[in-house]
Amino acid sequence: MSIHTQDEFNYRFPNNVFGHVPGAHAGSSLGAGDRFAGFADLFDYPDPRRLDIRASLRNNLSSGTVTDRNRWLVRRYQQRSSITLWLLADMSKSMSISRVNHSQLANLAQMIAHSAISLGDRFAMAGFDSTWRQDISIMPTTQRSMPLLAADMIRNADAATNPGVDGLIDAANVITSSHAMVFLASDFCVDISLVEKTLRQLSNYTVVPIVWQHHDVDHFPSHAGWTEMRDSETGQNRSVWMRPSMKKNWQQAMNNHFEQLAACFMHHRVKPLFVDGDVTGEQLTHYFSGLKRA
């Protein structure tokens, strides 16, 4: 896909950013910007370009003291600053089955990188499965070629060798940015306690969980009989006597898991985005619009 036709989304950091690197987000420090922060004395901030003649005259005419009548005022603005968009990418075995696959994750990485760098922000990525995947990690950068490089890094990555997603905690430890928005992309078919621990660790950041949903239950036979099943994480095959009730029980177990997951997100005041297939820029733009109204 050409970088010129790359899908993208609109977003804004919810808090003021303290920093001196110019960007697109509201900052808390004074400098070059477009958000008015009040007047100051020209003697304290000698910048004649920001001199406000009318405000100075009004102040001099209304002042009761001789000292205040000779003040020249300059306009002060809050500087807009940049942040880092991090992608924590689940590369575990369960993310390569059903309708969830690494190609969709690669497309998401490309879109996040493109949207961040186009806005003047930095992009970074850390992959994980049973360990932190250093071969699928990128430190914060504004390099224009990074969207395609990040996507290729995921598409060409070696498959997970061990089951599980224990590397999530180590991947989260890689994030050291002062101000960051963290996209946590996974199918979240993991122990809820691991999600709890990760969200506590990322509590200083804005976390955007992107939850890919599985639909394996649709492929279960509807009749009774022996069937071969393969564990997505361990890769082991086993024969199972499929009963008509098994499909219902499996679906109930998944429903219970995602109810607990939703409660976990709510407890940490995190709003998830549930997706089915490729994530689009329109979906993410709508997601961030909802955050602003909330």
Protein backbone atom coordinates (compact mmCIF):
# COMPACT_ATOMS: atom_id res chain seq x y z
CA MET A 1 0.00 0.00 0.00
CA SER A 2 1.36 3.41 -0.88
CA ILE A 3 2.19 5.74 1.98
CA HIS A 4 0.20 8.44 0.20
CA THR A 5 -3.02 6.43 0.38
CA GLN A 6 -2.39 4.97 3.82
CA ASP A 7 -5.41 4.90 6.11
CA GLU A 8 -5.07 7.12 9.19
CA PHE A 9 -7.06 8.36 12.17
CA ASN A 10 -7.48 11.53 14.22
CA TYR A 11 -6.56 11.61 17.89
CA ARG A 12 -5.72 14.03 20.67
CA PHE A 13 -3.87 13.47 23.92
CA PRO A 14 -6.34 14.04 26.79
CA ASN A 15 -3.94 15.95 29.09
CA ASN A 16 -1.58 18.89 28.74
CA VAL A 17 1.94 17.83 27.80
CA PHE A 18 4.96 19.26 29.58
CA GLY A 19 7.80 19.30 27.12
CA HIS A 20 9.86 21.44 24.77
CA VAL A 21 9.58 19.32 21.61
CA PRO A 22 7.00 21.03 19.35
CA GLY A 23 3.98 18.95 18.39
CA ALA A 24 0.22 18.96 17.94
CA HIS A 25 -0.99 18.51 21.54
CA ALA A 26 -1.82 21.10 24.17
CA GLY A 27 1.25 21.82 26.26
CA SER A 28 1.74 23.12 29.78
CA SER A 29 4.89 25.14 29.08
CA LEU A 30 5.04 28.59 27.51
CA GLY A 31 6.46 29.08 24.06
CA ALA A 32 5.45 29.17 20.42
CA GLY A 33 1.82 28.09 20.17
CA ASP A 34 -1.72 29.20 19.45
CA ARG A 35 -3.34 28.91 22.90
CA PHE A 36 -3.40 32.28 24.68
CA ALA A 37 -1.92 32.11 28.20
CA GLY A 38 -2.17 35.74 29.29
CA PHE A 39 -0.05 38.88 29.26
CA ALA A 40 3.40 39.52 30.66
CA ASP A 41 5.65 42.54 31.03
CA LEU A 42 7.89 43.26 28.05
CA PHE A 43 10.78 43.69 30.49
CA ASP A 44 10.31 40.11 31.73
CA TYR A 45 9.74 38.61 28.28
CA PRO A 46 11.58 40.84 25.76
CA ASP A 47 9.81 39.72 22.58
CA PRO A 48 8.59 42.79 20.65
CA ARG A 49 6.87 40.54 18.08
CA ARG A 50 4.25 39.68 20.73
CA LEU A 51 3.73 43.30 21.84
CA ASP A 52 0.01 44.11 22.28
CA ILE A 53 -0.40 47.89 21.89
CA ARG A 54 -4.12 47.98 22.72
CA ALA A 55 -3.78 45.87 25.85
CA SER A 56 -0.84 48.04 26.97
CA LEU A 57 -2.80 51.27 26.47
CA ARG A 58 -5.85 49.92 28.30
CA ASN A 59 -3.67 48.82 31.19
CA ASN A 60 -1.88 52.18 31.38
CA LEU A 61 -5.13 54.18 31.29
CA SER A 62 -6.84 52.06 33.93
CA SER A 63 -3.88 51.76 36.31
CA GLY A 64 -3.88 53.87 39.42
CA THR A 65 -0.12 53.84 40.06
CA VAL A 66 2.58 55.61 38.11
CA THR A 67 4.59 52.39 37.79
CA ASP A 68 1.77 50.48 36.09
CA ARG A 69 1.07 53.31 33.65
CA ASN A 70 4.37 52.74 31.83
CA ARG A 71 4.04 48.99 31.30
CA TRP A 72 4.20 47.42 27.87
CA LEU A 73 2.49 44.07 27.61
CA VAL A 74 3.35 41.09 25.42
CA ARG A 75 1.07 38.15 24.69
CA ARG A 76 2.12 34.74 26.00
CA TYR A 77 1.06 31.39 24.51
CA GLN A 78 1.19 27.78 25.57
CA GLN A 79 3.44 25.69 23.39
CA ARG A 80 2.03 22.64 21.64
CA SER A 81 4.09 19.55 22.37
CA SER A 82 4.57 16.06 20.98
CA ILE A 83 3.93 12.60 22.49
CA THR A 84 4.84 9.03 21.59
CA LEU A 85 2.38 6.45 20.26
CA TRP A 86 3.41 2.98 21.43
CA LEU A 87 2.09 -0.29 20.05
CA LEU A 88 2.31 -3.36 22.27
CA ALA A 89 1.81 -6.12 19.71
CA ASP A 90 0.67 -9.61 20.70
CA MET A 91 2.65 -12.11 18.60
CA SER A 92 1.50 -15.22 20.49
CA LYS A 93 0.26 -18.37 18.83
CA SER A 94 -3.41 -17.62 19.47
CA MET A 95 -3.05 -14.45 17.38
CA SER A 96 -2.28 -16.49 14.28
CA ILE A 97 -5.46 -18.56 14.15
CA SER A 98 -9.07 -18.04 13.18
CA ARG A 99 -9.81 -14.57 11.76
CA VAL A 100 -7.12 -12.95 13.91
CA ASN A 101 -3.71 -12.95 12.26
CA HIS A 102 -0.39 -11.12 12.11
CA SER A 103 -1.28 -9.49 8.81
CA GLN A 104 -4.06 -7.53 10.50
CA LEU A 105 -1.66 -6.60 13.30
CA ALA A 106 0.87 -5.42 10.71
CA ASN A 107 -1.77 -3.21 9.05
CA LEU A 108 -2.58 -1.70 12.45
CA ALA A 109 1.10 -0.98 13.15
CA GLN A 110 1.44 0.74 9.78
CA MET A 111 -1.63 2.90 10.40
CA ILE A 112 -0.59 3.95 13.92
CA ALA A 113 2.95 4.79 12.78
CA HIS A 114 1.68 6.77 9.80
CA SER A 115 -0.88 8.71 11.88
CA ALA A 116 1.66 9.53 14.59
CA ILE A 117 4.51 10.65 12.35
CA SER A 118 2.19 12.65 10.08
CA LEU A 119 1.04 14.65 13.13
CA GLY A 120 4.58 15.28 14.35
CA ASP A 121 4.55 12.64 17.09
CA ARG A 122 6.91 9.71 17.59
CA PHE A 123 6.09 6.03 17.03
CA ALA A 124 7.43 3.08 18.98
CA MET A 125 6.62 -0.62 19.17
CA ALA A 126 7.28 -3.64 21.37
CA GLY A 127 6.19 -7.15 20.41
CA PHE A 128 5.60 -9.96 22.85
CA ASP A 129 4.59 -13.60 23.13
CA SER A 130 6.01 -15.79 25.90
CA THR A 131 8.88 -13.28 26.04
CA TRP A 132 9.54 -9.71 24.97
CA ARG A 133 10.25 -9.88 21.23
CA GLN A 134 13.26 -7.61 20.75
CA ASP A 135 13.22 -8.49 17.03
CA ILE A 136 9.79 -6.81 16.78
CA SER A 137 10.61 -3.68 18.75
CA ILE A 138 11.23 -0.09 17.66
CA MET A 139 12.38 2.75 19.89
CA PRO A 140 10.59 6.16 19.55
CA THR A 141 11.21 7.63 16.10
CA THR A 142 9.83 10.11 13.57
CA GLN A 143 11.43 8.35 10.61
CA ARG A 144 9.12 8.66 7.60
CA SER A 145 9.80 5.14 6.36
CA MET A 146 8.88 3.59 9.72
CA PRO A 147 5.19 2.73 8.93
CA LEU A 148 6.21 0.28 6.19
CA LEU A 149 9.20 -0.99 8.17
CA ALA A 150 7.06 -1.71 11.24
CA ALA A 151 4.48 -3.58 9.18
CA ASP A 152 7.15 -5.67 7.43
CA MET A 153 8.78 -6.42 10.76
CA ILE A 154 5.57 -8.05 11.99
CA ARG A 155 4.75 -9.84 8.73
CA ASN A 156 8.23 -11.35 8.46
CA ALA A 157 8.62 -12.22 12.14
CA ASP A 158 9.37 -15.74 13.27
CA ALA A 159 6.44 -17.59 14.81
CA ALA A 160 6.21 -17.90 18.57
CA THR A 161 8.13 -20.92 19.83
CA ASN A 162 6.48 -21.23 23.25
CA PRO A 163 2.88 -20.82 24.40
CA GLY A 164 1.61 -17.90 26.46
CA VAL A 165 1.98 -14.11 26.65
CA ASP A 166 4.18 -13.74 29.72
CA GLY A 167 6.40 -11.36 27.75
CA LEU A 168 3.71 -8.68 27.99
CA ILE A 169 5.07 -7.35 31.29
CA ASP A 170 8.62 -7.10 29.94
CA ALA A 171 7.35 -5.38 26.80
CA ALA A 172 5.46 -2.85 28.91
CA ASN A 173 8.67 -2.20 30.86
CA VAL A 174 10.28 -0.96 27.65
CA ILE A 175 8.01 2.11 27.66
CA THR A 176 9.88 4.97 29.28
CA SER A 177 8.35 7.93 27.41
CA SER A 178 7.24 10.84 29.59
CA HIS A 179 3.98 11.25 27.67
CA ALA A 180 2.66 8.28 25.71
CA MET A 181 -0.47 6.73 24.29
CA VAL A 182 -0.21 2.94 24.43
CA PHE A 183 -2.15 0.76 21.98
CA LEU A 184 -2.36 -2.73 23.51
CA ALA A 185 -3.37 -5.01 20.62
CA SER A 186 -4.28 -8.61 21.47
CA ASP A 187 -7.09 -11.15 21.47
CA PHE A 188 -6.83 -10.99 25.30
CA CYS A 189 -7.36 -14.75 25.65
CA VAL A 190 -5.10 -14.58 28.68
CA ASP A 191 -5.42 -14.74 32.44
CA ILE A 192 -7.21 -11.63 33.70
CA SER A 193 -4.61 -11.22 36.45
CA LEU A 194 -1.96 -10.58 33.79
CA VAL A 195 -4.13 -7.87 32.23
CA GLU A 196 -4.64 -6.33 35.70
CA LYS A 197 -0.89 -6.26 36.34
CA THR A 198 -0.18 -4.71 32.95
CA LEU A 199 -2.78 -1.96 33.34
CA ARG A 200 -1.39 -1.08 36.79
CA GLN A 201 2.06 -0.86 35.27
CA LEU A 202 0.78 1.43 32.48
CA SER A 203 -1.38 3.57 34.78
CA ASN A 204 0.65 6.72 34.01
CA TYR A 205 -0.18 6.47 30.32
CA THR A 206 -3.27 6.66 28.14
CA VAL A 207 -4.00 3.01 27.26
CA VAL A 208 -6.07 1.97 24.24
CA PRO A 209 -6.85 -1.77 24.35
CA ILE A 210 -7.65 -3.15 20.89
CA VAL A 211 -9.43 -6.46 21.43
CA TRP A 212 -9.63 -8.91 18.55
CA GLN A 213 -12.54 -11.29 18.98
CA HIS A 214 -12.38 -14.99 18.15
CA HIS A 215 -15.19 -16.82 16.37
CA ASP A 216 -13.87 -20.39 16.60
CA VAL A 217 -17.20 -21.57 18.03
CA ASP A 218 -18.74 -21.09 14.58
CA HIS A 219 -16.48 -23.86 13.25
CA PHE A 220 -17.50 -26.45 15.84
CA PRO A 221 -19.44 -29.43 14.47
CA SER A 222 -23.10 -29.30 15.41
CA HIS A 223 -23.41 -33.10 15.64
CA ALA A 224 -22.09 -35.55 18.23
CA GLY A 225 -18.97 -37.56 17.46
CA TRP A 226 -15.18 -37.65 17.63
CA THR A 227 -13.36 -34.61 16.25
CA GLU A 228 -9.71 -33.52 16.18
CA MET A 229 -8.87 -30.29 18.01
CA ARG A 230 -5.60 -28.36 18.12
CA ASP A 231 -4.53 -26.12 21.00
CA SER A 232 -3.61 -22.76 19.50
CA GLU A 233 -0.93 -22.04 22.10
CA THR A 234 0.75 -25.43 22.61
CA GLY A 235 0.16 -26.75 19.10
CA GLN A 236 -0.86 -30.13 20.48
CA ASN A 237 -3.66 -32.15 18.85
CA ARG A 238 -6.17 -34.19 20.77
CA SER A 239 -9.31 -36.15 20.00
CA VAL A 240 -12.50 -34.92 21.67
CA TRP A 241 -15.96 -36.43 21.80
CA MET A 242 -18.03 -33.51 20.56
CA ARG A 243 -21.38 -33.27 22.32
CA PRO A 244 -24.16 -30.90 21.27
CA SER A 245 -23.72 -29.06 24.58
CA MET A 246 -19.96 -28.45 24.13
CA LYS A 247 -20.43 -25.60 21.69
CA LYS A 248 -22.80 -23.88 24.13
CA ASN A 249 -20.44 -24.42 27.07
CA TRP A 250 -17.46 -23.07 25.11
CA GLN A 251 -19.41 -19.97 24.14
CA GLN A 252 -20.50 -19.43 27.75
CA ALA A 253 -16.91 -19.73 28.95
CA MET A 254 -15.79 -17.11 26.41
CA ASN A 255 -18.65 -14.81 27.40
CA ASN A 256 -17.66 -15.10 31.07
CA HIS A 257 -14.03 -14.35 30.23
CA PHE A 258 -14.84 -11.20 28.30
CA GLU A 259 -17.26 -10.02 30.98
CA GLN A 260 -14.39 -10.23 33.46
CA LEU A 261 -12.13 -8.47 30.95
CA ALA A 262 -14.64 -5.64 30.52
CA ALA A 263 -14.90 -5.28 34.31
CA CYS A 264 -11.10 -5.11 34.50
CA PHE A 265 -11.00 -2.31 31.91
CA MET A 266 -13.76 -0.43 33.70
CA HIS A 267 -11.93 -0.70 37.03
CA HIS A 268 -8.85 0.92 35.48
CA ARG A 269 -10.96 3.50 33.62
CA VAL A 270 -9.83 2.20 30.25
CA LYS A 271 -12.14 2.05 27.25
CA PRO A 272 -11.50 -0.94 24.94
CA LEU A 273 -12.10 -1.11 21.21
CA PHE A 274 -13.55 -4.48 20.18
CA VAL A 275 -12.77 -5.32 16.56
CA ASP A 276 -13.48 -8.09 14.09
CA GLY A 277 -10.98 -8.20 11.24
CA ASP A 278 -8.92 -5.24 10.08
CA VAL A 279 -8.93 -2.07 12.21
CA THR A 280 -9.82 1.01 10.17
CA GLY A 281 -8.96 4.65 10.62
CA GLU A 282 -12.66 5.44 10.82
CA GLN A 283 -13.06 3.07 13.78
CA LEU A 284 -10.20 4.67 15.70
CA THR A 285 -11.31 8.22 14.87
CA HIS A 286 -14.79 7.38 16.17
CA TYR A 287 -13.20 5.81 19.27
CA PHE A 288 -11.27 8.99 20.12
CA SER A 289 -14.31 11.16 19.40
CA GLY A 290 -16.17 9.13 22.01
CA LEU A 291 -13.37 9.68 24.53
CA LYS A 292 -13.69 13.44 24.16
CA ARG A 293 -17.45 13.32 24.80
CA ALA A 294 -17.08 11.02 27.81
